[in-house]
Amino acid sequence: MTTTVHRTSPDTPQTVFRDQQRARHAYACVARVQPGDQNDYKIAINDLGANILRGGLCAALAALQRLGPRGEIVLHHLATAGVPGLEGVDKSTLVEKVRSLDTDAYILATREMLRVAAWLKRAAQATFDTKGE
């Protein structure tokens, strides 16, 4: 009987570490969402990944801006996620900074934002009370 040993690739620890950072960030952000804002937050975050894939990162962020105060919470959480190329932005400068990225940086930011959005969605699903629904 032979045993197969599966080895991870050299970049696996870094990937896991980044995912751990994203998860920590997402759960910390979601924990600060007020109970009265949770339903609006879930709606915004549930649409975010699909909006990024459908229309691109700029269009998805513009959709969040159109939501007004309920979109600002999500914009703040995205701005503070530490996405490469978007370090040091806040919710008011995030969209402008994304628009100014070159093509390679925009593609990278899009991939990273999809991952952040997925973690925010998971955290909201796991954290928010759904008894009232």
N, C-alpha and C. Protein backbone atom coordinates (compact mmCIF):
# COMPACT_ATOMS: atom_id res chain seq x y z
N MET A 1 0.85 -1.17 0.00
CA MET A 1 0.00 0.00 0.00
C MET A 1 0.90 1.24 0.00
N THR A 2 0.61 2.15 -0.89
CA THR A 2 1.40 3.38 -0.97
C THR A 2 0.62 4.55 -0.40
N THR A 3 1.35 5.41 0.18
CA THR A 3 0.74 6.63 0.73
C THR A 3 1.16 7.81 -0.12
N THR A 4 0.20 8.65 -0.41
CA THR A 4 0.49 9.84 -1.20
C THR A 4 0.60 11.02 -0.26
N VAL A 5 1.68 11.72 -0.38
CA VAL A 5 1.88 12.92 0.42
C VAL A 5 1.61 14.12 -0.47
N HIS A 6 0.67 14.92 -0.05
CA HIS A 6 0.35 16.12 -0.81
C HIS A 6 1.12 17.29 -0.23
N ARG A 7 1.91 17.90 -1.05
CA ARG A 7 2.68 19.05 -0.59
C ARG A 7 2.01 20.32 -1.11
N THR A 8 2.07 21.32 -0.29
CA THR A 8 1.49 22.59 -0.71
C THR A 8 2.52 23.37 -1.52
N SER A 9 2.04 24.23 -2.32
CA SER A 9 2.94 25.05 -3.12
C SER A 9 3.62 26.09 -2.22
N PRO A 10 4.73 26.65 -2.66
CA PRO A 10 5.46 27.62 -1.84
C PRO A 10 4.63 28.85 -1.48
N ASP A 11 3.64 29.19 -2.29
CA ASP A 11 2.88 30.40 -2.00
C ASP A 11 1.65 30.13 -1.13
N THR A 12 1.39 28.90 -0.77
CA THR A 12 0.22 28.59 0.04
C THR A 12 0.21 29.32 1.38
N PRO A 13 1.29 29.33 2.17
CA PRO A 13 1.22 30.03 3.45
C PRO A 13 0.86 31.51 3.31
N GLN A 14 1.41 32.17 2.29
CA GLN A 14 1.08 33.57 2.09
C GLN A 14 -0.39 33.72 1.74
N THR A 15 -0.93 32.86 0.92
CA THR A 15 -2.34 32.91 0.54
C THR A 15 -3.21 32.69 1.76
N VAL A 16 -2.87 31.70 2.56
CA VAL A 16 -3.63 31.44 3.77
C VAL A 16 -3.55 32.64 4.70
N PHE A 17 -2.37 33.20 4.84
CA PHE A 17 -2.19 34.35 5.71
C PHE A 17 -3.04 35.52 5.23
N ARG A 18 -3.07 35.78 3.94
CA ARG A 18 -3.89 36.87 3.40
C ARG A 18 -5.37 36.60 3.65
N ASP A 19 -5.78 35.35 3.47
CA ASP A 19 -7.17 35.01 3.74
C ASP A 19 -7.50 35.19 5.22
N GLN A 20 -6.56 34.85 6.08
CA GLN A 20 -6.78 35.06 7.50
C GLN A 20 -6.92 36.55 7.81
N GLN A 21 -6.11 37.37 7.17
CA GLN A 21 -6.22 38.82 7.36
C GLN A 21 -7.58 39.31 6.88
N ARG A 22 -7.99 38.84 5.72
CA ARG A 22 -9.30 39.25 5.19
C ARG A 22 -10.42 38.83 6.13
N ALA A 23 -10.35 37.60 6.63
CA ALA A 23 -11.38 37.10 7.54
C ALA A 23 -11.42 37.93 8.82
N ARG A 24 -10.26 38.20 9.40
CA ARG A 24 -10.22 39.02 10.62
C ARG A 24 -10.81 40.40 10.38
N HIS A 25 -10.42 40.99 9.26
CA HIS A 25 -10.93 42.32 8.92
C HIS A 25 -12.45 42.27 8.76
N ALA A 26 -12.94 41.29 8.03
CA ALA A 26 -14.38 41.18 7.77
C ALA A 26 -15.17 41.00 9.05
N TYR A 27 -14.73 40.09 9.91
CA TYR A 27 -15.47 39.86 11.15
C TYR A 27 -15.41 41.07 12.08
N ALA A 28 -14.29 41.76 12.11
CA ALA A 28 -14.18 42.97 12.93
C ALA A 28 -15.12 44.06 12.40
N CYS A 29 -15.17 44.22 11.09
CA CYS A 29 -16.04 45.24 10.49
C CYS A 29 -17.51 44.91 10.73
N VAL A 30 -17.88 43.67 10.46
CA VAL A 30 -19.28 43.26 10.60
C VAL A 30 -19.74 43.36 12.05
N ALA A 31 -18.84 43.11 12.98
CA ALA A 31 -19.20 43.20 14.40
C ALA A 31 -19.58 44.63 14.80
N ARG A 32 -19.07 45.61 14.07
CA ARG A 32 -19.36 47.02 14.39
C ARG A 32 -20.63 47.55 13.71
N VAL A 33 -21.25 46.76 12.85
CA VAL A 33 -22.47 47.20 12.18
C VAL A 33 -23.61 47.18 13.20
N GLN A 34 -24.28 48.30 13.34
CA GLN A 34 -25.38 48.42 14.31
C GLN A 34 -26.56 47.54 13.90
N PRO A 35 -27.28 46.99 14.87
CA PRO A 35 -28.42 46.12 14.54
C PRO A 35 -29.43 46.75 13.58
N GLY A 36 -29.67 48.05 13.70
CA GLY A 36 -30.60 48.72 12.80
C GLY A 36 -30.10 48.84 11.37
N ASP A 37 -28.80 48.71 11.18
CA ASP A 37 -28.20 48.83 9.85
C ASP A 37 -27.91 47.47 9.20
N GLN A 38 -28.10 46.40 9.94
CA GLN A 38 -27.69 45.07 9.46
C GLN A 38 -28.44 44.63 8.20
N ASN A 39 -29.73 44.88 8.11
CA ASN A 39 -30.48 44.44 6.94
C ASN A 39 -29.99 45.16 5.68
N ASP A 40 -29.82 46.49 5.76
CA ASP A 40 -29.30 47.26 4.62
C ASP A 40 -27.89 46.82 4.27
N TYR A 41 -27.08 46.54 5.28
CA TYR A 41 -25.70 46.10 5.05
C TYR A 41 -25.70 44.77 4.30
N LYS A 42 -26.54 43.84 4.73
CA LYS A 42 -26.61 42.54 4.06
C LYS A 42 -27.02 42.68 2.60
N ILE A 43 -27.97 43.53 2.33
CA ILE A 43 -28.40 43.75 0.94
C ILE A 43 -27.24 44.29 0.11
N ALA A 44 -26.55 45.28 0.64
CA ALA A 44 -25.43 45.89 -0.09
C ALA A 44 -24.30 44.90 -0.30
N ILE A 45 -23.95 44.15 0.72
CA ILE A 45 -22.81 43.24 0.62
C ILE A 45 -23.14 42.00 -0.21
N ASN A 46 -24.40 41.57 -0.19
CA ASN A 46 -24.79 40.41 -1.00
C ASN A 46 -24.71 40.72 -2.49
N ASP A 47 -24.96 41.97 -2.85
CA ASP A 47 -24.92 42.37 -4.26
C ASP A 47 -23.51 42.71 -4.75
N LEU A 48 -22.61 42.99 -3.83
CA LEU A 48 -21.32 43.55 -4.21
C LEU A 48 -20.50 42.65 -5.13
N GLY A 49 -20.32 41.40 -4.79
CA GLY A 49 -19.52 40.49 -5.62
C GLY A 49 -20.09 40.37 -7.03
N ALA A 50 -21.40 40.19 -7.11
CA ALA A 50 -22.04 40.08 -8.43
C ALA A 50 -21.91 41.37 -9.22
N ASN A 51 -22.03 42.50 -8.53
CA ASN A 51 -21.89 43.79 -9.22
C ASN A 51 -20.47 43.99 -9.75
N ILE A 52 -19.47 43.54 -8.98
CA ILE A 52 -18.09 43.65 -9.45
C ILE A 52 -17.90 42.79 -10.69
N LEU A 53 -18.40 41.58 -10.65
CA LEU A 53 -18.24 40.68 -11.80
C LEU A 53 -19.03 41.17 -13.02
N ARG A 54 -20.19 41.70 -12.78
CA ARG A 54 -21.06 42.11 -13.88
C ARG A 54 -20.60 43.41 -14.53
N GLY A 55 -20.27 44.42 -13.72
CA GLY A 55 -19.99 45.73 -14.29
C GLY A 55 -18.59 46.26 -14.05
N GLY A 56 -17.81 45.55 -13.24
CA GLY A 56 -16.47 46.02 -12.92
C GLY A 56 -16.44 46.70 -11.56
N LEU A 57 -15.24 46.87 -11.04
CA LEU A 57 -15.07 47.43 -9.71
C LEU A 57 -15.58 48.86 -9.61
N CYS A 58 -15.27 49.69 -10.59
CA CYS A 58 -15.72 51.09 -10.55
C CYS A 58 -17.24 51.18 -10.51
N ALA A 59 -17.91 50.41 -11.33
CA ALA A 59 -19.37 50.43 -11.36
C ALA A 59 -19.95 49.93 -10.04
N ALA A 60 -19.36 48.91 -9.47
CA ALA A 60 -19.85 48.37 -8.19
C ALA A 60 -19.69 49.39 -7.07
N LEU A 61 -18.56 50.09 -7.06
CA LEU A 61 -18.34 51.11 -6.05
C LEU A 61 -19.29 52.29 -6.25
N ALA A 62 -19.56 52.64 -7.49
CA ALA A 62 -20.53 53.71 -7.79
C ALA A 62 -21.92 53.32 -7.30
N ALA A 63 -22.27 52.04 -7.45
CA ALA A 63 -23.57 51.56 -6.95
C ALA A 63 -23.64 51.70 -5.43
N LEU A 64 -22.54 51.44 -4.75
CA LEU A 64 -22.51 51.62 -3.29
C LEU A 64 -22.67 53.10 -2.93
N GLN A 65 -22.04 53.98 -3.70
CA GLN A 65 -22.18 55.41 -3.44
C GLN A 65 -23.63 55.86 -3.60
N ARG A 66 -24.32 55.30 -4.57
CA ARG A 66 -25.72 55.68 -4.80
C ARG A 66 -26.64 55.24 -3.66
N LEU A 67 -26.19 54.27 -2.87
CA LEU A 67 -27.01 53.80 -1.75
C LEU A 67 -27.01 54.79 -0.58
N GLY A 68 -26.16 55.79 -0.65
CA GLY A 68 -26.11 56.79 0.41
C GLY A 68 -25.50 56.23 1.69
N PRO A 69 -26.08 56.56 2.84
CA PRO A 69 -25.49 56.16 4.12
C PRO A 69 -25.30 54.64 4.27
N ARG A 70 -26.20 53.84 3.76
CA ARG A 70 -26.03 52.39 3.91
C ARG A 70 -24.89 51.87 3.04
N GLY A 71 -24.58 52.53 1.96
CA GLY A 71 -23.44 52.14 1.14
C GLY A 71 -22.13 52.64 1.70
N GLU A 72 -22.17 53.74 2.46
CA GLU A 72 -20.96 54.30 3.05
C GLU A 72 -20.31 53.33 4.03
N ILE A 73 -21.12 52.58 4.74
CA ILE A 73 -20.56 51.60 5.69
C ILE A 73 -19.73 50.58 4.94
N VAL A 74 -20.26 50.06 3.85
CA VAL A 74 -19.54 49.07 3.05
C VAL A 74 -18.31 49.69 2.42
N LEU A 75 -18.42 50.90 1.90
CA LEU A 75 -17.26 51.60 1.33
C LEU A 75 -16.15 51.76 2.36
N HIS A 76 -16.53 52.09 3.58
CA HIS A 76 -15.53 52.21 4.65
C HIS A 76 -14.84 50.87 4.90
N HIS A 77 -15.61 49.80 4.93
CA HIS A 77 -15.04 48.47 5.17
C HIS A 77 -14.11 48.05 4.04
N LEU A 78 -14.47 48.39 2.82
CA LEU A 78 -13.61 48.07 1.67
C LEU A 78 -12.34 48.92 1.69
N ALA A 79 -12.49 50.19 2.04
CA ALA A 79 -11.33 51.10 2.04
C ALA A 79 -10.30 50.70 3.09
N THR A 80 -10.74 50.13 4.19
CA THR A 80 -9.83 49.78 5.27
C THR A 80 -9.33 48.34 5.17
N ALA A 81 -9.59 47.68 4.06
CA ALA A 81 -9.22 46.27 3.91
C ALA A 81 -7.75 46.06 3.54
N GLY A 82 -7.04 47.11 3.21
CA GLY A 82 -5.63 46.97 2.86
C GLY A 82 -5.39 46.34 1.50
N VAL A 83 -6.24 46.63 0.55
CA VAL A 83 -6.09 46.11 -0.81
C VAL A 83 -4.86 46.74 -1.44
N PRO A 84 -3.99 45.91 -2.05
CA PRO A 84 -2.78 46.46 -2.69
C PRO A 84 -3.12 47.54 -3.72
N GLY A 85 -2.41 48.65 -3.62
CA GLY A 85 -2.65 49.78 -4.51
C GLY A 85 -3.66 50.76 -3.94
N LEU A 86 -4.39 50.34 -2.90
CA LEU A 86 -5.41 51.20 -2.31
C LEU A 86 -5.16 51.44 -0.83
N GLU A 87 -3.91 51.29 -0.40
CA GLU A 87 -3.58 51.53 0.99
C GLU A 87 -3.74 53.00 1.31
N GLY A 88 -4.19 53.29 2.51
CA GLY A 88 -4.29 54.66 2.97
C GLY A 88 -5.49 55.45 2.45
N VAL A 89 -6.41 54.79 1.77
CA VAL A 89 -7.61 55.50 1.31
C VAL A 89 -8.68 55.41 2.39
N ASP A 90 -9.67 56.28 2.28
CA ASP A 90 -10.83 56.17 3.14
C ASP A 90 -12.07 56.09 2.25
N LYS A 91 -13.24 56.02 2.87
CA LYS A 91 -14.44 55.82 2.07
C LYS A 91 -14.70 56.95 1.08
N SER A 92 -14.21 58.15 1.38
CA SER A 92 -14.44 59.27 0.48
C SER A 92 -13.45 59.33 -0.68
N THR A 93 -12.28 58.69 -0.53
CA THR A 93 -11.27 58.73 -1.60
C THR A 93 -11.11 57.40 -2.32
N LEU A 94 -11.79 56.36 -1.86
CA LEU A 94 -11.64 55.02 -2.44
C LEU A 94 -11.98 55.01 -3.93
N VAL A 95 -13.14 55.51 -4.28
CA VAL A 95 -13.60 55.43 -5.68
C VAL A 95 -12.67 56.23 -6.59
N GLU A 96 -12.28 57.40 -6.16
CA GLU A 96 -11.37 58.22 -6.96
C GLU A 96 -10.03 57.51 -7.17
N LYS A 97 -9.53 56.87 -6.13
CA LYS A 97 -8.26 56.15 -6.24
C LYS A 97 -8.39 54.96 -7.19
N VAL A 98 -9.48 54.23 -7.09
CA VAL A 98 -9.69 53.09 -8.00
C VAL A 98 -9.72 53.57 -9.44
N ARG A 99 -10.37 54.68 -9.70
CA ARG A 99 -10.45 55.23 -11.06
C ARG A 99 -9.09 55.64 -11.61
N SER A 100 -8.16 55.96 -10.71
CA SER A 100 -6.85 56.43 -11.16
C SER A 100 -5.83 55.30 -11.33
N LEU A 101 -6.21 54.07 -11.00
CA LEU A 101 -5.27 52.94 -11.12
C LEU A 101 -4.98 52.61 -12.57
N ASP A 102 -3.75 52.17 -12.84
CA ASP A 102 -3.46 51.68 -14.20
C ASP A 102 -4.11 50.30 -14.35
N THR A 103 -4.07 49.74 -15.53
CA THR A 103 -4.78 48.51 -15.83
C THR A 103 -4.37 47.35 -14.94
N ASP A 104 -3.08 47.13 -14.78
CA ASP A 104 -2.62 46.01 -13.94
C ASP A 104 -3.06 46.17 -12.49
N ALA A 105 -2.92 47.37 -11.96
CA ALA A 105 -3.31 47.62 -10.57
C ALA A 105 -4.82 47.50 -10.40
N TYR A 106 -5.58 47.92 -11.42
CA TYR A 106 -7.04 47.81 -11.38
C TYR A 106 -7.47 46.34 -11.35
N ILE A 107 -6.83 45.52 -12.16
CA ILE A 107 -7.16 44.09 -12.19
C ILE A 107 -6.84 43.45 -10.84
N LEU A 108 -5.69 43.78 -10.28
CA LEU A 108 -5.32 43.25 -8.97
C LEU A 108 -6.31 43.72 -7.90
N ALA A 109 -6.64 45.01 -7.92
CA ALA A 109 -7.59 45.54 -6.94
C ALA A 109 -8.96 44.88 -7.07
N THR A 110 -9.37 44.60 -8.30
CA THR A 110 -10.65 43.93 -8.52
C THR A 110 -10.64 42.53 -7.91
N ARG A 111 -9.58 41.78 -8.17
CA ARG A 111 -9.47 40.43 -7.59
C ARG A 111 -9.51 40.48 -6.07
N GLU A 112 -8.74 41.39 -5.50
CA GLU A 112 -8.68 41.50 -4.06
C GLU A 112 -10.02 41.94 -3.47
N MET A 113 -10.68 42.88 -4.12
CA MET A 113 -11.98 43.35 -3.64
C MET A 113 -13.02 42.23 -3.69
N LEU A 114 -12.94 41.38 -4.70
CA LEU A 114 -13.85 40.22 -4.75
C LEU A 114 -13.64 39.32 -3.54
N ARG A 115 -12.39 39.12 -3.17
CA ARG A 115 -12.09 38.29 -2.00
C ARG A 115 -12.56 38.96 -0.71
N VAL A 116 -12.33 40.25 -0.60
CA VAL A 116 -12.79 40.99 0.58
C VAL A 116 -14.32 40.94 0.66
N ALA A 117 -14.98 41.16 -0.47
CA ALA A 117 -16.45 41.13 -0.50
C ALA A 117 -16.97 39.76 -0.08
N ALA A 118 -16.31 38.70 -0.52
CA ALA A 118 -16.74 37.36 -0.14
C ALA A 118 -16.62 37.16 1.37
N TRP A 119 -15.54 37.65 1.97
CA TRP A 119 -15.37 37.51 3.41
C TRP A 119 -16.37 38.37 4.17
N LEU A 120 -16.65 39.56 3.70
CA LEU A 120 -17.66 40.40 4.36
C LEU A 120 -19.03 39.74 4.30
N LYS A 121 -19.34 39.14 3.16
CA LYS A 121 -20.62 38.44 3.02
C LYS A 121 -20.69 37.25 3.97
N ARG A 122 -19.63 36.45 4.03
CA ARG A 122 -19.60 35.31 4.96
C ARG A 122 -19.75 35.76 6.40
N ALA A 123 -19.03 36.81 6.76
CA ALA A 123 -19.09 37.31 8.13
C ALA A 123 -20.48 37.80 8.48
N ALA A 124 -21.12 38.51 7.55
CA ALA A 124 -22.48 38.99 7.80
C ALA A 124 -23.45 37.82 7.95
N GLN A 125 -23.31 36.82 7.09
CA GLN A 125 -24.20 35.66 7.18
C GLN A 125 -24.01 34.91 8.49
N ALA A 126 -22.78 34.84 8.95
CA ALA A 126 -22.50 34.10 10.17
C ALA A 126 -22.80 34.90 11.44
N THR A 127 -22.78 36.21 11.35
CA THR A 127 -22.86 37.05 12.54
C THR A 127 -24.25 37.63 12.80
N PHE A 128 -24.90 38.10 11.76
CA PHE A 128 -26.16 38.80 11.97
C PHE A 128 -27.26 37.82 12.38
N ASP A 129 -28.11 38.29 13.28
CA ASP A 129 -29.24 37.50 13.75
C ASP A 129 -30.29 37.43 12.64
N THR A 130 -30.72 36.22 12.31
CA THR A 130 -31.70 36.06 11.23
C THR A 130 -33.06 35.60 11.76
N LYS A 131 -33.29 35.68 13.07
CA LYS A 131 -34.56 35.22 13.64
C LYS A 131 -35.75 36.03 13.13
N GLY A 132 -35.55 37.32 12.88
CA GLY A 132 -36.64 38.18 12.45
C GLY A 132 -37.00 38.05 10.99
N GLU A 133 -36.27 37.24 10.24
CA GLU A 133 -36.53 37.15 8.79
C GLU A 133 -37.41 36.00 8.46
